[in-house]
Amino acid sequence: MPINLSDLRRYAISRSLFKQTTLARAIVKLGFVQADPIRAPARAQDLTLRHRVTDYRAGDLERRYPKLPIEEDFFVNYGFVPRKVQALMHPRTARQKWSKARWRQANEVLDFVRERGVVHPREVDAHFGHGKATNWFGGTSNASTQLLDGMHYRGLLRIARREGGTRVYAPREANIAPADPDATMDALVDIIVNKYAPLTASSLAQLIVLLKFAVPHWQDARKTALTRAKARLPHATVDGLTWYWPEGESPRSRRHVVSDELRLLAPFDPVVWDRRRFEIFWGWAYRFEAYTPAPKRVRGYYALPLLWRDEVVGWGNLSVAEGRLNASFGYANGRAPKDPAFQRERDAELARFETFLDLTSLSKER
């Protein structure tokens, strides 16, 4: 039997929402966890991990980060990667070249950090007095903070931990450059495919372009990496689109079973990250509207896709006030499913959310 769209949809959901495991193992299995600072009512990385880590609580990643073999870094976006993945991306040469004066500042700060072991940005700012600088969105921020960010991106520093959400820095030991750039690019592509499969040809190409953040020094290698990926990865054409997935897997395998459990997903969860695939699978457009002016929002500031069985039937907006979880829902076809199991599952998901947020009161729907 040929692969059809229903096979691909079930495959995408079941392989991504794998059986819950430890935090360290889940991050290795995902390969990369995208981060976002907005907390509505929890950060994206926490919302992603809650479905995949046993007894996960909001903030566990930040609390446990110093003892885990992971790093904050850029991949296709900014987030968390296993150290083995980070080693594939360094030493990294940034696209923006620094002047000699900028490198002199960086080396002075690096000596300062090495002397102290771990530093908060305000310590660097107080010691060097770098002043203010224009940031990427046109505002101003401490020049020391921008310098530390640049040093982190170039692999001179690592994030030791966070204090109140602020990154605290430590020296990073340089690793030897990978001996075979093509093989390393293929390994990075495999991490992408493992996380976001099944991928259409256009989405695969888009994600490989986004490796410009991970390995800007290999920008010219992306095109040939895409060509090799299309040649070596399993694929099939369904309704005129070519889909790719990891070697050794089959979208039609009977082991790809979708749970009856209802789930509120992060906007950047791998199940829904690919907006092209989202519309193909579920027939409506989901957009992240946190940065959309309020009058123009359709679904809400931080609408969470509502996955039930193998359908994303709508979205939920959650907030916490006076220790109580408040939830409002919208539906793609204008109303909630009539199946009584849906209401039970929705209530069960809100109860799980309260546990995740360490709330004690019952949730209510406005």
Protein backbone atom coordinates (compact mmCIF):
# COMPACT_ATOMS: atom_id res chain seq x y z
CA MET A 1 0.00 0.00 0.00
CA PRO A 2 1.35 3.46 -0.85
CA ILE A 3 1.94 5.96 1.94
CA ASN A 4 -0.87 8.47 2.38
CA LEU A 5 -1.32 11.71 4.29
CA SER A 6 -2.95 9.97 7.27
CA ASP A 7 0.11 7.72 7.58
CA LEU A 8 2.40 10.75 7.59
CA ARG A 9 0.29 12.57 10.17
CA ARG A 10 0.22 9.64 12.59
CA TYR A 11 3.93 9.06 12.04
CA ALA A 12 4.77 12.71 12.78
CA ILE A 13 2.82 12.70 16.03
CA SER A 14 3.80 9.30 17.41
CA ARG A 15 7.54 9.58 16.70
CA SER A 16 7.79 13.07 18.20
CA LEU A 17 5.62 12.42 21.25
CA PHE A 18 7.68 9.44 22.33
CA LYS A 19 7.32 7.63 25.64
CA GLN A 20 8.33 9.90 28.51
CA THR A 21 11.89 9.50 29.74
CA THR A 22 14.52 11.40 31.74
CA LEU A 23 15.32 15.02 30.96
CA ALA A 24 18.82 14.21 29.69
CA ARG A 25 17.58 11.39 27.46
CA ALA A 26 14.71 13.45 26.07
CA ILE A 27 17.09 16.24 24.99
CA VAL A 28 19.39 13.70 23.34
CA LYS A 29 16.42 12.12 21.57
CA LEU A 30 15.16 15.49 20.36
CA GLY A 31 18.65 16.69 19.44
CA PHE A 32 17.67 20.31 19.98
CA VAL A 33 15.09 22.10 22.13
CA GLN A 34 14.11 25.56 20.93
CA ALA A 35 14.01 28.24 23.63
CA ASP A 36 11.86 31.33 23.97
CA PRO A 37 11.83 33.81 26.88
CA ILE A 38 8.05 34.41 26.92
CA ARG A 39 6.33 32.81 29.88
CA ALA A 40 2.63 32.42 29.04
CA PRO A 41 2.14 30.63 31.35
CA ALA A 42 5.49 28.79 30.91
CA ARG A 43 8.44 29.07 28.56
CA ALA A 44 8.39 27.22 25.25
CA GLN A 45 11.20 24.85 26.25
CA ASP A 46 9.26 23.80 29.35
CA LEU A 47 6.05 23.39 27.36
CA THR A 48 7.91 21.16 24.91
CA LEU A 49 9.61 19.01 27.53
CA ARG A 50 6.52 18.47 29.71
CA HIS A 51 5.16 15.97 27.17
CA ARG A 52 8.42 14.05 26.89
CA VAL A 53 9.95 13.99 30.39
CA THR A 54 8.58 12.02 33.31
CA ASP A 55 7.16 14.22 36.11
CA TYR A 56 8.47 17.38 34.45
CA ARG A 57 7.79 20.72 36.15
CA ALA A 58 8.06 24.22 34.73
CA GLY A 59 11.61 25.48 35.27
CA ASP A 60 13.21 22.04 35.65
CA LEU A 61 15.47 22.62 32.65
CA GLU A 62 16.87 25.85 34.07
CA ARG A 63 17.22 24.37 37.56
CA ARG A 64 18.98 21.22 36.39
CA TYR A 65 20.96 22.69 33.51
CA PRO A 66 24.29 23.09 35.40
CA LYS A 67 24.46 19.33 36.04
CA LEU A 68 23.29 18.14 32.62
CA PRO A 69 25.58 17.40 29.63
CA ILE A 70 23.88 20.09 27.54
CA GLU A 71 24.63 23.60 26.36
CA GLU A 72 22.75 26.71 25.34
CA ASP A 73 23.67 27.52 21.75
CA PHE A 74 22.36 28.27 18.29
CA PHE A 75 21.24 25.44 16.05
CA VAL A 76 18.47 26.28 13.55
CA ASN A 77 17.28 28.66 16.29
CA TYR A 78 18.51 29.39 19.79
CA GLY A 79 18.03 26.70 22.38
CA PHE A 80 19.55 23.70 24.12
CA VAL A 81 21.68 20.98 22.55
CA PRO A 82 23.63 17.97 23.84
CA ARG A 83 27.34 18.71 24.09
CA LYS A 84 28.05 16.18 21.32
CA VAL A 85 25.89 18.25 18.99
CA GLN A 86 27.56 21.49 20.05
CA ALA A 87 30.96 20.00 19.23
CA LEU A 88 29.84 19.58 15.60
CA MET A 89 29.28 23.35 15.31
CA HIS A 90 32.56 24.63 16.75
CA PRO A 91 35.01 26.24 16.31
CA ARG A 92 32.54 28.71 14.79
CA THR A 93 33.48 31.71 12.69
CA ALA A 94 30.73 34.31 12.84
CA ARG A 95 29.55 36.03 9.69
CA GLN A 96 30.04 39.43 11.34
CA LYS A 97 33.75 40.12 11.54
CA TRP A 98 35.13 41.86 14.61
CA SER A 99 37.66 44.65 14.45
CA LYS A 100 41.01 44.38 16.20
CA ALA A 101 39.68 46.72 18.90
CA ARG A 102 36.66 44.46 19.45
CA TRP A 103 38.86 41.37 19.71
CA ARG A 104 41.05 43.19 22.19
CA GLN A 105 37.97 43.87 24.34
CA ALA A 106 36.90 40.23 24.01
CA ASN A 107 40.29 38.91 25.09
CA GLU A 108 40.35 41.23 28.09
CA VAL A 109 36.91 40.00 29.14
CA LEU A 110 37.96 36.40 28.54
CA ASP A 111 40.92 36.83 30.87
CA PHE A 112 38.56 38.36 33.45
CA VAL A 113 36.15 35.42 33.20
CA ARG A 114 38.95 32.87 33.39
CA GLU A 115 40.27 34.54 36.52
CA ARG A 116 36.89 34.40 38.27
CA GLY A 117 35.55 31.15 36.78
CA VAL A 118 31.91 32.28 36.47
CA VAL A 119 30.67 35.85 35.98
CA HIS A 120 27.37 37.69 35.79
CA PRO A 121 27.10 40.34 33.02
CA ARG A 122 26.78 43.11 35.62
CA GLU A 123 30.23 42.16 36.99
CA VAL A 124 31.73 42.60 33.53
CA ASP A 125 29.89 45.87 33.04
CA ALA A 126 31.00 47.19 36.43
CA HIS A 127 34.64 46.23 35.85
CA PHE A 128 35.05 47.44 32.27
CA GLY A 129 32.41 50.16 31.93
CA HIS A 130 31.77 49.47 28.24
CA GLY A 131 28.72 51.74 28.28
CA LYS A 132 25.63 51.39 26.08
CA ALA A 133 25.23 50.20 22.49
CA THR A 134 22.44 49.88 19.93
CA ASN A 135 20.98 46.39 19.83
CA TRP A 136 19.61 44.45 16.86
CA PHE A 137 16.02 45.78 17.23
CA GLY A 138 17.02 49.44 17.45
CA GLY A 139 17.00 49.91 21.23
CA THR A 140 19.96 50.18 23.57
CA SER A 141 21.50 47.68 25.96
CA ASN A 142 24.73 47.31 27.86
CA ALA A 143 27.67 47.00 25.50
CA SER A 144 29.14 44.36 27.83
CA THR A 145 26.03 42.21 27.39
CA GLN A 146 26.36 42.39 23.61
CA LEU A 147 30.04 41.53 23.82
CA LEU A 148 29.33 38.52 26.03
CA ASP A 149 26.64 37.34 23.61
CA GLY A 150 29.12 37.59 20.75
CA MET A 151 31.78 35.71 22.68
CA HIS A 152 29.29 32.99 23.53
CA TYR A 153 28.26 32.65 19.89
CA ARG A 154 31.90 32.37 18.81
CA GLY A 155 32.53 29.61 21.34
CA LEU A 156 34.78 31.58 23.69
CA LEU A 157 32.29 31.35 26.55
CA ARG A 158 29.55 28.98 27.64
CA ILE A 159 26.42 29.50 29.69
CA ALA A 160 27.15 28.14 33.16
CA ARG A 161 23.63 28.73 34.47
CA ARG A 162 20.92 31.37 34.67
CA GLU A 163 20.13 33.66 37.56
CA GLY A 164 16.64 35.10 37.39
CA GLY A 165 16.63 34.36 33.67
CA THR A 166 19.96 36.15 33.08
CA ARG A 167 22.76 34.13 31.48
CA VAL A 168 25.83 33.66 33.65
CA TYR A 169 29.05 32.94 31.76
CA ALA A 170 32.09 30.68 32.14
CA PRO A 171 35.07 29.98 29.87
CA ARG A 172 34.50 27.35 27.20
CA GLU A 173 37.25 24.93 26.28
CA ALA A 174 37.83 24.97 22.53
CA ASN A 175 37.28 21.72 20.66
CA ILE A 176 39.12 20.46 17.60
CA ALA A 177 37.44 21.26 14.31
CA PRO A 178 35.65 18.26 12.74
CA ALA A 179 37.95 16.54 10.27
CA ASP A 180 35.30 16.06 7.56
CA PRO A 181 33.01 19.07 6.98
CA ASP A 182 30.72 17.16 4.60
CA ALA A 183 30.21 14.32 7.08
CA THR A 184 29.61 16.86 9.84
CA MET A 185 27.04 18.71 7.74
CA ASP A 186 25.30 15.39 7.06
CA ALA A 187 25.23 14.71 10.81
CA LEU A 188 23.65 18.12 11.45
CA VAL A 189 21.07 17.49 8.73
CA ASP A 190 20.26 14.14 10.33
CA ILE A 191 19.58 15.91 13.64
CA ILE A 192 17.15 18.20 11.82
CA VAL A 193 15.40 15.34 10.07
CA ASN A 194 15.23 13.26 13.25
CA LYS A 195 13.48 16.10 15.08
CA TYR A 196 11.10 17.43 12.44
CA ALA A 197 10.31 14.41 10.23
CA PRO A 198 8.48 13.83 8.05
CA LEU A 199 9.59 16.89 6.09
CA THR A 200 8.54 18.13 2.68
CA ALA A 201 11.34 19.00 0.27
CA SER A 202 10.74 22.72 0.81
CA SER A 203 10.80 22.42 4.60
CA LEU A 204 13.97 20.33 4.49
CA ALA A 205 15.60 23.02 2.35
CA GLN A 206 14.40 25.77 4.71
CA LEU A 207 15.85 24.06 7.78
CA ILE A 208 19.19 23.45 6.10
CA VAL A 209 19.31 27.16 5.24
CA LEU A 210 18.76 27.86 8.96
CA LEU A 211 22.00 26.02 9.70
CA LYS A 212 23.54 29.41 8.89
CA PHE A 213 23.16 30.06 12.63
CA ALA A 214 24.89 26.83 13.64
CA VAL A 215 27.73 26.73 11.12
CA PRO A 216 28.05 30.10 9.33
CA HIS A 217 31.61 29.12 8.40
CA TRP A 218 30.20 26.36 6.16
CA GLN A 219 27.64 28.45 4.36
CA ASP A 220 28.76 27.19 0.95
CA ALA A 221 28.34 23.57 2.06
CA ARG A 222 24.60 23.79 2.64
CA LYS A 223 23.57 23.34 -0.99
CA THR A 224 25.55 20.13 -1.44
CA ALA A 225 24.35 18.88 1.95
CA LEU A 226 20.77 19.28 0.72
CA THR A 227 21.58 17.41 -2.47
CA ARG A 228 23.12 14.52 -0.52
CA ALA A 229 20.18 14.46 1.90
CA LYS A 230 17.65 14.13 -0.90
CA ALA A 231 19.68 11.30 -2.40
CA ARG A 232 20.28 9.28 0.78
CA LEU A 233 17.15 9.78 2.90
CA PRO A 234 14.04 7.60 2.48
CA HIS A 235 11.27 9.50 0.75
CA ALA A 236 7.93 9.22 -0.98
CA THR A 237 5.68 11.46 -3.04
CA VAL A 238 2.21 12.01 -1.59
CA ASP A 239 -0.33 14.28 -3.30
CA GLY A 240 2.41 15.82 -5.41
CA LEU A 241 4.80 16.59 -2.52
CA THR A 242 7.99 14.69 -1.73
CA TRP A 243 8.44 13.82 1.96
CA TYR A 244 11.67 12.78 3.73
CA TRP A 245 12.31 10.93 6.99
CA PRO A 246 15.22 9.23 8.83
CA GLU A 247 16.84 6.08 7.58
CA GLY A 248 15.49 2.88 9.13
CA GLU A 249 11.99 4.25 9.75
CA SER A 250 8.71 3.67 7.94
CA PRO A 251 5.70 6.02 8.16
CA ARG A 252 3.40 3.03 7.63
CA SER A 253 4.80 1.00 10.52
CA ARG A 254 2.15 -0.33 12.90
CA ARG A 255 4.13 0.91 15.87
CA HIS A 256 3.12 4.48 15.04
CA VAL A 257 0.02 4.62 17.21
CA VAL A 258 -1.53 7.91 18.25
CA SER A 259 -2.75 8.29 21.82
CA ASP A 260 -6.28 9.43 22.76
CA GLU A 261 -4.66 11.89 25.16
CA LEU A 262 -5.33 15.56 24.46
CA ARG A 263 -2.28 17.84 24.52
CA LEU A 264 -1.69 21.57 24.59
CA LEU A 265 1.50 22.07 22.57
CA ALA A 266 4.09 24.83 22.61
CA PRO A 267 4.08 27.10 19.54
CA PHE A 268 7.55 25.71 18.73
CA ASP A 269 6.83 22.05 19.53
CA PRO A 270 8.25 19.87 16.73
CA VAL A 271 4.76 18.52 16.00
CA VAL A 272 3.57 21.99 14.94
CA TRP A 273 6.79 23.95 14.25
CA ASP A 274 6.58 23.48 10.48
CA ARG A 275 3.69 25.79 9.52
CA ARG A 276 3.60 24.45 5.95
CA ARG A 277 3.17 20.92 7.22
CA PHE A 278 0.61 22.10 9.76
CA GLU A 279 -1.69 23.40 7.02
CA ILE A 280 -1.21 20.26 4.92
CA PHE A 281 -2.00 17.97 7.86
CA TRP A 282 -4.85 19.88 9.46
CA GLY A 283 -6.27 22.21 6.86
CA TRP A 284 -6.01 25.52 8.71
CA ALA A 285 -3.30 28.10 9.37
CA TYR A 286 -1.75 28.46 12.82
CA ARG A 287 0.30 31.57 13.48
CA PHE A 288 2.38 32.64 16.49
CA GLU A 289 0.92 36.02 17.40
CA ALA A 290 2.89 37.17 20.46
CA TYR A 291 4.62 39.83 18.35
CA THR A 292 1.47 40.74 16.41
CA PRO A 293 -0.27 43.97 17.52
CA ALA A 294 -3.15 43.03 19.82
CA PRO A 295 -5.94 44.37 17.53
CA LYS A 296 -4.70 42.12 14.72
CA ARG A 297 -4.48 38.89 16.71
CA VAL A 298 -6.81 36.12 15.61
CA ARG A 299 -6.15 33.43 18.22
CA GLY A 300 -4.36 35.16 21.08
CA TYR A 301 -1.03 36.32 22.43
CA TYR A 302 0.35 32.83 23.08
CA ALA A 303 -2.20 30.40 21.66
CA LEU A 304 -1.21 26.76 22.24
CA PRO A 305 -2.22 24.28 19.50
CA LEU A 306 -4.74 21.75 20.82
CA LEU A 307 -3.85 18.23 19.65
CA TRP A 308 -6.45 15.51 20.12
CA ARG A 309 -5.71 12.07 18.72
CA ASP A 310 -4.27 12.84 15.27
CA GLU A 311 -6.00 16.19 14.77
CA VAL A 312 -5.13 19.70 15.89
CA VAL A 313 -8.71 20.79 16.52
CA GLY A 314 -8.05 24.28 17.88
CA TRP A 315 -6.02 26.24 20.38
CA GLY A 316 -5.96 27.28 24.01
CA ASN A 317 -4.88 30.45 25.80
CA LEU A 318 -3.78 29.83 29.38
CA SER A 319 -2.92 32.22 32.19
CA VAL A 320 -2.41 32.10 35.93
CA ALA A 321 -4.04 34.58 38.29
CA GLU A 322 -4.05 34.31 42.08
CA GLY A 323 -2.78 30.76 41.91
CA ARG A 324 -5.55 29.65 39.56
CA LEU A 325 -5.16 28.37 36.01
CA ASN A 326 -7.54 30.08 33.60
CA ALA A 327 -8.12 28.66 30.14
CA SER A 328 -10.05 29.77 27.08
CA PHE A 329 -10.31 27.76 23.87
CA GLY A 330 -11.00 28.32 20.20
CA TYR A 331 -11.72 25.73 17.54
CA ALA A 332 -10.76 25.52 13.89
CA ASN A 333 -14.30 24.68 12.78
CA GLY A 334 -15.94 27.04 15.25
CA ARG A 335 -16.97 24.58 17.96
CA ALA A 336 -15.55 21.87 20.20
CA PRO A 337 -15.81 18.22 19.15
CA LYS A 338 -19.08 16.65 20.35
CA ASP A 339 -17.44 13.42 21.51
CA PRO A 340 -17.79 13.26 25.34
CA ALA A 341 -14.24 11.89 25.48
CA PHE A 342 -12.97 15.25 24.27
CA GLN A 343 -14.27 17.12 27.34
CA ARG A 344 -12.81 14.49 29.66
CA GLU A 345 -9.44 14.65 27.94
CA ARG A 346 -9.43 18.45 27.95
CA ASP A 347 -10.11 18.50 31.69
CA ALA A 348 -7.37 15.91 32.22
CA GLU A 349 -4.88 18.02 30.27
CA LEU A 350 -5.71 21.10 32.35
CA ALA A 351 -5.18 19.05 35.51
CA ARG A 352 -1.79 17.93 34.18
CA PHE A 353 -0.99 21.55 33.40
CA GLU A 354 -1.73 22.56 36.99
CA THR A 355 0.66 19.89 38.23
CA PHE A 356 3.27 21.06 35.71
CA LEU A 357 2.91 24.62 37.03
CA ASP A 358 2.73 23.45 40.67
CA LEU A 359 -0.72 24.97 41.14
CA THR A 360 -3.13 23.60 43.72
CA SER A 361 -6.42 25.15 42.66
CA LEU A 362 -8.78 23.77 40.05
CA SER A 363 -8.69 25.20 36.55
CA LYS A 364 -11.66 26.94 35.08
CA GLU A 365 -12.68 27.93 31.59
CA ARG A 366 -13.66 31.52 31.03
